[in-house]
């Protein structure tokens, strides 16, 4: 199922963690392709769970968030 809030939060977290790792690695003068690959892996490993947690926290703590609804299948025939 397409969940735009979850995808947005995951993308933001992955980008932030990866960017932070790249800056740290470059400031430590570790300038190889391994540093960028490690930053990407760190971004995915830390960012995906954090993005899912953030999306759930937003939905849980926002009183105006609509409750879960069951999807009613549409009729597709005569």
PDB file of N, CA and C in Angstrom:
ATOM      1  N   UNK A   1       0.836  -1.167   0.000  1.00  0.00           N
ATOM      2  CA  UNK A   1       0.000   0.000   0.000  1.00  0.00           C
ATOM      3  C   UNK A   1       0.893   1.246   0.000  1.00  0.00           C
ATOM      4  N   UNK A   2       0.481   2.238  -0.730  1.00  0.00           N
ATOM      5  CA  UNK A   2       1.236   3.477  -0.867  1.00  0.00           C
ATOM      6  C   UNK A   2       0.960   4.373   0.342  1.00  0.00           C
ATOM      7  N   UNK A   3       1.971   4.651   1.129  1.00  0.00           N
ATOM      8  CA  UNK A   3       1.825   5.492   2.313  1.00  0.00           C
ATOM      9  C   UNK A   3       2.750   6.699   2.166  1.00  0.00           C
ATOM     10  N   UNK A   4       2.203   7.841   1.759  1.00  0.00           N
ATOM     11  CA  UNK A   4       3.068   8.982   1.456  1.00  0.00           C
ATOM     12  C   UNK A   4       3.814   9.538   2.671  1.00  0.00           C
ATOM     13  N   UNK A   5       3.196   9.557   3.854  1.00  0.00           N
ATOM     14  CA  UNK A   5       3.894  10.080   5.024  1.00  0.00           C
ATOM     15  C   UNK A   5       5.096   9.216   5.366  1.00  0.00           C
ATOM     16  N   UNK A   6       4.899   7.910   5.337  1.00  0.00           N
ATOM     17  CA  UNK A   6       5.992   6.996   5.666  1.00  0.00           C
ATOM     18  C   UNK A   6       7.135   7.133   4.662  1.00  0.00           C
ATOM     19  N   UNK A   7       6.815   7.200   3.384  1.00  0.00           N
ATOM     20  CA  UNK A   7       7.864   7.333   2.370  1.00  0.00           C
ATOM     21  C   UNK A   7       8.610   8.658   2.502  1.00  0.00           C
ATOM     22  N   UNK A   8       7.883   9.719   2.809  1.00  0.00           N
ATOM     23  CA  UNK A   8       8.512  11.025   2.985  1.00  0.00           C
ATOM     24  C   UNK A   8       9.452  11.019   4.185  1.00  0.00           C
ATOM     25  N   UNK A   9       8.992  10.467   5.294  1.00  0.00           N
ATOM     26  CA  UNK A   9       9.827  10.451   6.491  1.00  0.00           C
ATOM     27  C   UNK A   9      11.063   9.570   6.298  1.00  0.00           C
ATOM     28  N   UNK A  10      10.907   8.445   5.629  1.00  0.00           N
ATOM     29  CA  UNK A  10      12.066   7.584   5.361  1.00  0.00           C
ATOM     30  C   UNK A  10      13.068   8.308   4.476  1.00  0.00           C
ATOM     31  N   UNK A  11      12.582   8.981   3.439  1.00  0.00           N
ATOM     32  CA  UNK A  11      13.494   9.705   2.540  1.00  0.00           C
ATOM     33  C   UNK A  11      14.241  10.815   3.276  1.00  0.00           C
ATOM     34  N   UNK A  12      13.542  11.539   4.126  1.00  0.00           N
ATOM     35  CA  UNK A  12      14.188  12.616   4.885  1.00  0.00           C
ATOM     36  C   UNK A  12      15.248  12.059   5.832  1.00  0.00           C
ATOM     37  N   UNK A  13      14.899  11.013   6.575  1.00  0.00           N
ATOM     38  CA  UNK A  13      15.852  10.420   7.517  1.00  0.00           C
ATOM     39  C   UNK A  13      17.077   9.845   6.809  1.00  0.00           C
ATOM     40  N   UNK A  14      16.858   9.111   5.727  1.00  0.00           N
ATOM     41  CA  UNK A  14      17.993   8.509   5.006  1.00  0.00           C
ATOM     42  C   UNK A  14      18.910   9.596   4.460  1.00  0.00           C
ATOM     43  N   UNK A  15      18.322  10.637   3.896  1.00  0.00           N
ATOM     44  CA  UNK A  15      19.144  11.725   3.344  1.00  0.00           C
ATOM     45  C   UNK A  15      19.930  12.443   4.441  1.00  0.00           C
ATOM     46  N   UNK A  16      19.295  12.687   5.570  1.00  0.00           N
ATOM     47  CA  UNK A  16      19.984  13.392   6.655  1.00  0.00           C
ATOM     48  C   UNK A  16      21.110  12.560   7.256  1.00  0.00           C
ATOM     49  N   UNK A  17      20.852  11.288   7.512  1.00  0.00           N
ATOM     50  CA  UNK A  17      21.882  10.433   8.103  1.00  0.00           C
ATOM     51  C   UNK A  17      23.031  10.227   7.128  1.00  0.00           C
ATOM     52  N   UNK A  18      22.711  10.004   5.860  1.00  0.00           N
ATOM     53  CA  UNK A  18      23.760   9.819   4.863  1.00  0.00           C
ATOM     54  C   UNK A  18      24.599  11.083   4.711  1.00  0.00           C
ATOM     55  N   UNK A  19      23.951  12.223   4.646  1.00  0.00           N
ATOM     56  CA  UNK A  19      24.680  13.486   4.527  1.00  0.00           C
ATOM     57  C   UNK A  19      25.570  13.758   5.720  1.00  0.00           C
ATOM     58  N   UNK A  20      25.064  13.458   6.903  1.00  0.00           N
ATOM     59  CA  UNK A  20      25.873  13.649   8.107  1.00  0.00           C
ATOM     60  C   UNK A  20      27.089  12.727   8.091  1.00  0.00           C
ATOM     61  N   UNK A  21      26.884  11.487   7.693  1.00  0.00           N
ATOM     62  CA  UNK A  21      28.009  10.541   7.635  1.00  0.00           C
ATOM     63  C   UNK A  21      29.043  10.975   6.599  1.00  0.00           C
ATOM     64  N   UNK A  22      28.589  11.488   5.463  1.00  0.00           N
ATOM     65  CA  UNK A  22      29.530  11.963   4.439  1.00  0.00           C
ATOM     66  C   UNK A  22      30.351  13.131   4.981  1.00  0.00           C
ATOM     67  N   UNK A  23      29.703  14.063   5.647  1.00  0.00           N
ATOM     68  CA  UNK A  23      30.427  15.212   6.204  1.00  0.00           C
ATOM     69  C   UNK A  23      31.439  14.759   7.246  1.00  0.00           C
ATOM     70  N   UNK A  24      31.050  13.832   8.111  1.00  0.00           N
ATOM     71  CA  UNK A  24      31.974  13.334   9.133  1.00  0.00           C
ATOM     72  C   UNK A  24      33.154  12.622   8.487  1.00  0.00           C
ATOM     73  N   UNK A  25      32.892  11.765   7.513  1.00  0.00           N
ATOM     74  CA  UNK A  25      33.972  11.037   6.860  1.00  0.00           C
ATOM     75  C   UNK A  25      34.917  11.987   6.119  1.00  0.00           C
ATOM     76  N   UNK A  26      34.361  12.974   5.447  1.00  0.00           N
ATOM     77  CA  UNK A  26      35.223  13.919   4.729  1.00  0.00           C
ATOM     78  C   UNK A  26      36.018  14.795   5.694  1.00  0.00           C
ATOM     79  N   UNK A  27      35.429  15.154   6.835  1.00  0.00           N
ATOM     80  CA  UNK A  27      36.180  15.967   7.797  1.00  0.00           C
ATOM     81  C   UNK A  27      37.286  15.160   8.462  1.00  0.00           C
ATOM     82  N   UNK A  28      37.140  13.844   8.484  1.00  0.00           N
ATOM     83  CA  UNK A  28      38.210  12.982   8.989  1.00  0.00           C
ATOM     84  C   UNK A  28      39.217  12.619   7.897  1.00  0.00           C
ATOM     85  N   UNK A  29      39.068  13.252   6.733  1.00  0.00           N
ATOM     86  CA  UNK A  29      39.933  13.067   5.574  1.00  0.00           C
ATOM     87  C   UNK A  29      39.929  11.630   5.070  1.00  0.00           C
ATOM     88  N   UNK A  30      38.776  10.991   5.151  1.00  0.00           N
ATOM     89  CA  UNK A  30      38.602   9.654   4.589  1.00  0.00           C
ATOM     90  C   UNK A  30      37.870   9.823   3.268  1.00  0.00           C
ATOM     91  N   UNK A  31      38.644  10.006   2.196  1.00  0.00           N
ATOM     92  CA  UNK A  31      38.088  10.350   0.896  1.00  0.00           C
ATOM     93  C   UNK A  31      38.317   9.187  -0.068  1.00  0.00           C
ATOM     94  N   UNK A  32      37.509   8.157   0.087  1.00  0.00           N
ATOM     95  CA  UNK A  32      37.560   7.024  -0.832  1.00  0.00           C
ATOM     96  C   UNK A  32      36.117   6.639  -1.169  1.00  0.00           C
ATOM     97  N   UNK A  33      35.970   5.747  -2.117  1.00  0.00           N
ATOM     98  CA  UNK A  33      34.620   5.309  -2.467  1.00  0.00           C
ATOM     99  C   UNK A  33      34.001   4.509  -1.326  1.00  0.00           C
ATOM    100  N   UNK A  34      34.841   3.901  -0.492  1.00  0.00           N
ATOM    101  CA  UNK A  34      34.344   3.118   0.639  1.00  0.00           C
ATOM    102  C   UNK A  34      33.642   4.028   1.645  1.00  0.00           C
ATOM    103  N   UNK A  35      34.145   5.245   1.809  1.00  0.00           N
ATOM    104  CA  UNK A  35      33.503   6.178   2.732  1.00  0.00           C
ATOM    105  C   UNK A  35      32.095   6.522   2.270  1.00  0.00           C
ATOM    106  N   UNK A  36      31.928   6.739   0.985  1.00  0.00           N
ATOM    107  CA  UNK A  36      30.605   7.071   0.461  1.00  0.00           C
ATOM    108  C   UNK A  36      29.668   5.860   0.517  1.00  0.00           C
ATOM    109  N   UNK A  37      30.211   4.685   0.265  1.00  0.00           N
ATOM    110  CA  UNK A  37      29.394   3.476   0.365  1.00  0.00           C
ATOM    111  C   UNK A  37      28.982   3.226   1.813  1.00  0.00           C
ATOM    112  N   UNK A  38      29.912   3.433   2.741  1.00  0.00           N
ATOM    113  CA  UNK A  38      29.596   3.255   4.161  1.00  0.00           C
ATOM    114  C   UNK A  38      28.557   4.274   4.613  1.00  0.00           C
ATOM    115  N   UNK A  39      28.642   5.495   4.113  1.00  0.00           N
ATOM    116  CA  UNK A  39      27.651   6.515   4.453  1.00  0.00           C
ATOM    117  C   UNK A  39      26.271   6.115   3.931  1.00  0.00           C
ATOM    118  N   UNK A  40      26.224   5.566   2.726  1.00  0.00           N
ATOM    119  CA  UNK A  40      24.948   5.110   2.179  1.00  0.00           C
ATOM    120  C   UNK A  40      24.352   3.969   2.973  1.00  0.00           C
ATOM    121  N   UNK A  41      25.198   3.025   3.364  1.00  0.00           N
ATOM    122  CA  UNK A  41      24.716   1.896   4.163  1.00  0.00           C
ATOM    123  C   UNK A  41      24.235   2.376   5.529  1.00  0.00           C
ATOM    124  N   UNK A  42      24.998   3.267   6.144  1.00  0.00           N
ATOM    125  CA  UNK A  42      24.576   3.831   7.430  1.00  0.00           C
ATOM    126  C   UNK A  42      23.238   4.559   7.295  1.00  0.00           C
ATOM    127  N   UNK A  43      23.093   5.305   6.214  1.00  0.00           N
ATOM    128  CA  UNK A  43      21.841   6.020   5.988  1.00  0.00           C
ATOM    129  C   UNK A  43      20.657   5.083   5.878  1.00  0.00           C
ATOM    130  N   UNK A  44      20.832   3.977   5.173  1.00  0.00           N
ATOM    131  CA  UNK A  44      19.734   3.016   5.034  1.00  0.00           C
ATOM    132  C   UNK A  44      19.457   2.275   6.334  1.00  0.00           C
ATOM    133  N   UNK A  45      20.515   1.842   7.010  1.00  0.00           N
ATOM    134  CA  UNK A  45      20.343   1.044   8.223  1.00  0.00           C
ATOM    135  C   UNK A  45      19.717   1.869   9.353  1.00  0.00           C
ATOM    136  N   UNK A  46      20.108   3.121   9.472  1.00  0.00           N
ATOM    137  CA  UNK A  46      19.570   3.962  10.538  1.00  0.00           C
ATOM    138  C   UNK A  46      18.313   4.704  10.079  1.00  0.00           C
ATOM    139  N   UNK A  47      18.299   5.151   8.834  1.00  0.00           N
ATOM    140  CA  UNK A  47      17.217   6.012   8.364  1.00  0.00           C
ATOM    141  C   UNK A  47      15.883   5.328   8.152  1.00  0.00           C
ATOM    142  N   UNK A  48      15.876   4.097   7.670  1.00  0.00           N
ATOM    143  CA  UNK A  48      14.598   3.421   7.404  1.00  0.00           C
ATOM    144  C   UNK A  48      13.830   3.152   8.693  1.00  0.00           C
ATOM    145  N   UNK A  49      14.440   2.540   9.721  1.00  0.00           N
ATOM    146  CA  UNK A  49      13.678   2.351  10.953  1.00  0.00           C
ATOM    147  C   UNK A  49      13.278   3.668  11.625  1.00  0.00           C
ATOM    148  N   UNK A  50      14.164   4.659  11.556  1.00  0.00           N
ATOM    149  CA  UNK A  50      13.838   5.950  12.159  1.00  0.00           C
ATOM    150  C   UNK A  50      12.694   6.637  11.419  1.00  0.00           C
ATOM    151  N   UNK A  51      12.653   6.509  10.102  1.00  0.00           N
ATOM    152  CA  UNK A  51      11.555   7.085   9.328  1.00  0.00           C
ATOM    153  C   UNK A  51      10.229   6.419   9.625  1.00  0.00           C
ATOM    154  N   UNK A  52      10.244   5.095   9.750  1.00  0.00           N
ATOM    155  CA  UNK A  52       9.018   4.375  10.093  1.00  0.00           C
ATOM    156  C   UNK A  52       8.561   4.768  11.495  1.00  0.00           C
ATOM    157  N   UNK A  53       9.498   4.851  12.436  1.00  0.00           N
ATOM    158  CA  UNK A  53       9.153   5.258  13.797  1.00  0.00           C
ATOM    159  C   UNK A  53       8.578   6.671  13.820  1.00  0.00           C
ATOM    160  N   UNK A  54       9.164   7.588  13.068  1.00  0.00           N
ATOM    161  CA  UNK A  54       8.682   8.967  13.033  1.00  0.00           C
ATOM    162  C   UNK A  54       7.269   9.051  12.466  1.00  0.00           C
ATOM    163  N   UNK A  55       7.014   8.323  11.399  1.00  0.00           N
ATOM    164  CA  UNK A  55       5.673   8.340  10.801  1.00  0.00           C
ATOM    165  C   UNK A  55       4.641   7.791  11.779  1.00  0.00           C
ATOM    166  N   UNK A  56       4.981   6.724  12.472  1.00  0.00           N
ATOM    167  CA  UNK A  56       4.052   6.166  13.465  1.00  0.00           C
ATOM    168  C   UNK A  56       3.837   7.130  14.622  1.00  0.00           C
ATOM    169  N   UNK A  57       4.901   7.798  15.057  1.00  0.00           N
ATOM    170  CA  UNK A  57       4.768   8.755  16.159  1.00  0.00           C
ATOM    171  C   UNK A  57       3.890   9.932  15.762  1.00  0.00           C
ATOM    172  N   UNK A  58       4.029  10.410  14.543  1.00  0.00           N
ATOM    173  CA  UNK A  58       3.192  11.512  14.074  1.00  0.00           C
ATOM    174  C   UNK A  58       1.737  11.088  14.060  1.00  0.00           C
ATOM    175  N   UNK A  59       1.468   9.907  13.526  1.00  0.00           N
ATOM    176  CA  UNK A  59       0.087   9.431  13.463  1.00  0.00           C
ATOM    177  C   UNK A  59      -0.482   9.185  14.854  1.00  0.00           C
ATOM    178  N   UNK A  60       0.333   8.673  15.760  1.00  0.00           N
ATOM    179  CA  UNK A  60      -0.133   8.360  17.103  1.00  0.00           C
ATOM    180  C   UNK A  60      -0.402   9.627  17.922  1.00  0.00           C
ATOM    181  N   UNK A  61       0.454  10.628  17.803  1.00  0.00           N
ATOM    182  CA  UNK A  61       0.371  11.803  18.669  1.00  0.00           C
ATOM    183  C   UNK A  61      -0.506  12.923  18.130  1.00  0.00           C
ATOM    184  N   UNK A  62      -0.880  12.881  16.855  1.00  0.00           N
ATOM    185  CA  UNK A  62      -1.693  13.941  16.273  1.00  0.00           C
ATOM    186  C   UNK A  62      -3.177  13.627  16.487  1.00  0.00           C
ATOM    187  N   UNK A  63      -3.883  14.450  17.264  1.00  0.00           N
ATOM    188  CA  UNK A  63      -5.299  14.153  17.503  1.00  0.00           C
ATOM    189  C   UNK A  63      -6.170  14.352  16.268  1.00  0.00           C
ATOM    190  N   UNK A  64      -5.722  15.095  15.298  1.00  0.00           N
ATOM    191  CA  UNK A  64      -6.509  15.344  14.095  1.00  0.00           C
ATOM    192  C   UNK A  64      -6.236  14.346  12.975  1.00  0.00           C
ATOM    193  N   UNK A  65      -5.346  13.387  13.215  1.00  0.00           N
ATOM    194  CA  UNK A  65      -5.051  12.393  12.185  1.00  0.00           C
ATOM    195  C   UNK A  65      -6.256  11.457  12.073  1.00  0.00           C
ATOM    196  N   UNK A  66      -6.729  11.198  10.853  1.00  0.00           N
ATOM    197  CA  UNK A  66      -7.911  10.329  10.725  1.00  0.00           C
ATOM    198  C   UNK A  66      -7.597   8.902  11.168  1.00  0.00           C
ATOM    199  N   UNK A  67      -8.557   8.242  11.798  1.00  0.00           N
ATOM    200  CA  UNK A  67      -8.311   6.862  12.233  1.00  0.00           C
ATOM    201  C   UNK A  67      -8.221   5.920  11.038  1.00  0.00           C
ATOM    202  N   UNK A  68      -7.748   4.720  11.314  1.00  0.00           N
ATOM    203  CA  UNK A  68      -7.634   3.728  10.245  1.00  0.00           C
ATOM    204  C   UNK A  68      -9.030   3.369   9.747  1.00  0.00           C
ATOM    205  N   UNK A  69      -9.137   3.251   8.446  1.00  0.00           N
ATOM    206  CA  UNK A  69     -10.415   2.869   7.840  1.00  0.00           C
ATOM    207  C   UNK A  69     -10.214   1.605   7.037  1.00  0.00           C
ATOM    208  N   UNK A  70     -11.217   0.763   7.055  1.00  0.00           N
ATOM    209  CA  UNK A  70     -11.173  -0.422   6.204  1.00  0.00           C
ATOM    210  C   UNK A  70     -11.542  -0.011   4.799  1.00  0.00           C
ATOM    211  N   UNK A  71     -10.833  -0.535   3.859  1.00  0.00           N
ATOM    212  CA  UNK A  71     -11.130  -0.234   2.467  1.00  0.00           C
ATOM    213  C   UNK A  71     -12.266  -1.131   2.003  1.00  0.00           C
ATOM    214  N   UNK A  72     -13.265  -0.519   1.390  1.00  0.00           N
ATOM    215  CA  UNK A  72     -14.375  -1.263   0.838  1.00  0.00           C
ATOM    216  C   UNK A  72     -14.092  -1.479  -0.631  1.00  0.00           C
ATOM    217  N   UNK A  73     -14.075  -2.743  -1.068  1.00  0.00           N
ATOM    218  CA  UNK A  73     -13.781  -2.989  -2.492  1.00  0.00           C
ATOM    219  C   UNK A  73     -14.899  -2.439  -3.387  1.00  0.00           C
ATOM    220  N   UNK A  74     -14.489  -1.891  -4.509  1.00  0.00           N
ATOM    221  CA  UNK A  74     -15.453  -1.346  -5.461  1.00  0.00           C
ATOM    222  C   UNK A  74     -16.030  -2.463  -6.309  1.00  0.00           C
ATOM    223  N   UNK A  75     -17.252  -2.271  -6.721  1.00  0.00           N
ATOM    224  CA  UNK A  75     -17.850  -3.227  -7.636  1.00  0.00           C
ATOM    225  C   UNK A  75     -17.255  -3.007  -9.016  1.00  0.00           C
ATOM    226  N   UNK A  76     -16.884  -4.089  -9.654  1.00  0.00           N
ATOM    227  CA  UNK A  76     -16.256  -3.971 -10.969  1.00  0.00           C
ATOM    228  C   UNK A  76     -17.009  -4.750 -12.043  1.00  0.00           C
ATOM    229  N   UNK A  77     -18.249  -4.992 -11.834  1.00  0.00           N
ATOM    230  CA  UNK A  77     -19.001  -5.747 -12.830  1.00  0.00           C
ATOM    231  C   UNK A  77     -20.437  -5.258 -12.915  1.00  0.00           C
ATOM    232  N   UNK A  78     -21.221  -5.890 -13.779  1.00  0.00           N
ATOM    233  CA  UNK A  78     -22.620  -5.453 -13.912  1.00  0.00           C
ATOM    234  C   UNK A  78     -23.478  -5.826 -12.741  1.00  0.00           C
TER     235      UNK A  78
END
